Amino acid sequence: MKRISPLVKTLLRRSEKERLQIATQLFQSIEQRIDPEIENAWRVEIRKRMKEMEKGERKWIPWTVVRQQLRRHLRAA
């Protein structure tokens, strides 16, 4: 497992709600630097995936399952 910085260790001890607020603030701090072309490409991709969902070509994955998979992945990293 990769070493985790002391700052990250401190942040991980926060509640889930606090971590989400911190993550949101960090994301918003870089949001204005997002390349418009990348932003547009994401919009196109999201629309494509939503159409696939509506046609039944994709399935929703519950957040609890996604979170479990992410935690498993992060522990293995």
C-alpha atoms as a PDB file:
ATOM      1  CA  MET A   1       0.000   0.000   0.000  1.00  0.00           C
ATOM      2  CA  LYS A   2       1.259   3.476  -0.822  1.00  0.00           C
ATOM      3  CA  ARG A   3       2.259   5.747   2.028  1.00  0.00           C
ATOM      4  CA  ILE A   4      -0.428   8.199   3.009  1.00  0.00           C
ATOM      5  CA  SER A   5       0.617  11.728   3.899  1.00  0.00           C
ATOM      6  CA  PRO A   6      -0.078  12.961   7.439  1.00  0.00           C
ATOM      7  CA  LEU A   7      -2.541  15.502   6.028  1.00  0.00           C
ATOM      8  CA  VAL A   8      -4.546  12.795   4.263  1.00  0.00           C
ATOM      9  CA  LYS A   9      -4.519  10.633   7.408  1.00  0.00           C
ATOM     10  CA  THR A  10      -5.911  13.570   9.380  1.00  0.00           C
ATOM     11  CA  LEU A  11      -8.606  14.235   6.787  1.00  0.00           C
ATOM     12  CA  LEU A  12      -9.627  10.570   6.668  1.00  0.00           C
ATOM     13  CA  ARG A  13     -10.425  10.704  10.383  1.00  0.00           C
ATOM     14  CA  ARG A  14     -13.124  13.291   9.677  1.00  0.00           C
ATOM     15  CA  SER A  15     -16.760  12.289   9.333  1.00  0.00           C
ATOM     16  CA  GLU A  16     -18.059  11.297   5.922  1.00  0.00           C
ATOM     17  CA  LYS A  17     -20.033  14.546   5.741  1.00  0.00           C
ATOM     18  CA  GLU A  18     -16.930  16.641   6.510  1.00  0.00           C
ATOM     19  CA  ARG A  19     -14.833  14.718   3.967  1.00  0.00           C
ATOM     20  CA  LEU A  20     -17.489  15.332   1.316  1.00  0.00           C
ATOM     21  CA  GLN A  21     -17.500  19.052   2.119  1.00  0.00           C
ATOM     22  CA  ILE A  22     -13.692  19.167   1.884  1.00  0.00           C
ATOM     23  CA  ALA A  23     -13.702  17.242  -1.396  1.00  0.00           C
ATOM     24  CA  THR A  24     -16.337  19.595  -2.803  1.00  0.00           C
ATOM     25  CA  GLN A  25     -14.314  22.643  -1.808  1.00  0.00           C
ATOM     26  CA  LEU A  26     -11.150  21.188  -3.329  1.00  0.00           C
ATOM     27  CA  PHE A  27     -12.957  20.373  -6.553  1.00  0.00           C
ATOM     28  CA  GLN A  28     -14.504  23.831  -6.729  1.00  0.00           C
ATOM     29  CA  SER A  29     -11.078  25.403  -6.197  1.00  0.00           C
ATOM     30  CA  ILE A  30      -9.892  23.929  -9.511  1.00  0.00           C
ATOM     31  CA  GLU A  31     -13.204  23.987 -11.340  1.00  0.00           C
ATOM     32  CA  GLN A  32     -12.542  27.326 -13.022  1.00  0.00           C
ATOM     33  CA  ARG A  33      -9.436  25.858 -14.680  1.00  0.00           C
ATOM     34  CA  ILE A  34     -11.306  23.060 -16.420  1.00  0.00           C
ATOM     35  CA  ASP A  35     -10.753  23.000 -20.149  1.00  0.00           C
ATOM     36  CA  PRO A  36     -14.023  23.816 -21.956  1.00  0.00           C
ATOM     37  CA  GLU A  37     -13.340  21.077 -24.516  1.00  0.00           C
ATOM     38  CA  ILE A  38     -13.000  18.497 -21.748  1.00  0.00           C
ATOM     39  CA  GLU A  39     -16.156  19.791 -20.081  1.00  0.00           C
ATOM     40  CA  ASN A  40     -18.053  19.486 -23.377  1.00  0.00           C
ATOM     41  CA  ALA A  41     -16.701  15.973 -23.972  1.00  0.00           C
ATOM     42  CA  TRP A  42     -18.021  14.950 -20.522  1.00  0.00           C
ATOM     43  CA  ARG A  43     -21.444  16.407 -21.319  1.00  0.00           C
ATOM     44  CA  VAL A  44     -21.570  14.394 -24.545  1.00  0.00           C
ATOM     45  CA  GLU A  45     -20.506  11.238 -22.686  1.00  0.00           C
ATOM     46  CA  ILE A  46     -23.084  11.767 -19.949  1.00  0.00           C
ATOM     47  CA  ARG A  47     -25.863  12.229 -22.512  1.00  0.00           C
ATOM     48  CA  LYS A  48     -24.737   9.066 -24.311  1.00  0.00           C
ATOM     49  CA  ARG A  49     -24.749   7.065 -21.084  1.00  0.00           C
ATOM     50  CA  MET A  50     -28.158   8.410 -20.067  1.00  0.00           C
ATOM     51  CA  LYS A  51     -29.611   7.342 -23.435  1.00  0.00           C
ATOM     52  CA  GLU A  52     -28.080   3.885 -22.908  1.00  0.00           C
ATOM     53  CA  MET A  53     -29.680   3.769 -19.452  1.00  0.00           C
ATOM     54  CA  GLU A  54     -33.064   4.721 -20.884  1.00  0.00           C
ATOM     55  CA  LYS A  55     -32.778   1.960 -23.502  1.00  0.00           C
ATOM     56  CA  GLY A  56     -31.821  -0.566 -20.830  1.00  0.00           C
ATOM     57  CA  GLU A  57     -28.332  -1.030 -22.275  1.00  0.00           C
ATOM     58  CA  ARG A  58     -26.730  -0.014 -18.960  1.00  0.00           C
ATOM     59  CA  LYS A  59     -27.710  -0.637 -15.371  1.00  0.00           C
ATOM     60  CA  TRP A  60     -27.595   1.633 -12.360  1.00  0.00           C
ATOM     61  CA  ILE A  61     -25.078   0.656  -9.684  1.00  0.00           C
ATOM     62  CA  PRO A  62     -26.192   1.600  -6.164  1.00  0.00           C
ATOM     63  CA  TRP A  63     -23.901   4.042  -4.351  1.00  0.00           C
ATOM     64  CA  THR A  64     -23.312   1.512  -1.572  1.00  0.00           C
ATOM     65  CA  VAL A  65     -21.857  -0.938  -4.110  1.00  0.00           C
ATOM     66  CA  VAL A  66     -19.732   1.733  -5.814  1.00  0.00           C
ATOM     67  CA  ARG A  67     -18.400   2.931  -2.448  1.00  0.00           C
ATOM     68  CA  GLN A  68     -17.494  -0.640  -1.466  1.00  0.00           C
ATOM     69  CA  GLN A  69     -15.655  -1.168  -4.749  1.00  0.00           C
ATOM     70  CA  LEU A  70     -13.782   2.130  -4.373  1.00  0.00           C
ATOM     71  CA  ARG A  71     -12.704   1.305  -0.835  1.00  0.00           C
ATOM     72  CA  ARG A  72     -11.512  -2.131  -1.946  1.00  0.00           C
ATOM     73  CA  HIS A  73      -9.586  -0.541  -4.819  1.00  0.00           C
ATOM     74  CA  LEU A  74      -8.002   2.104  -2.590  1.00  0.00           C
ATOM     75  CA  ARG A  75      -6.914  -0.475  -0.011  1.00  0.00           C
ATOM     76  CA  ALA A  76      -5.199  -2.472  -2.772  1.00  0.00           C
ATOM     77  CA  ALA A  77      -3.377   0.619  -4.132  1.00  0.00           C
END
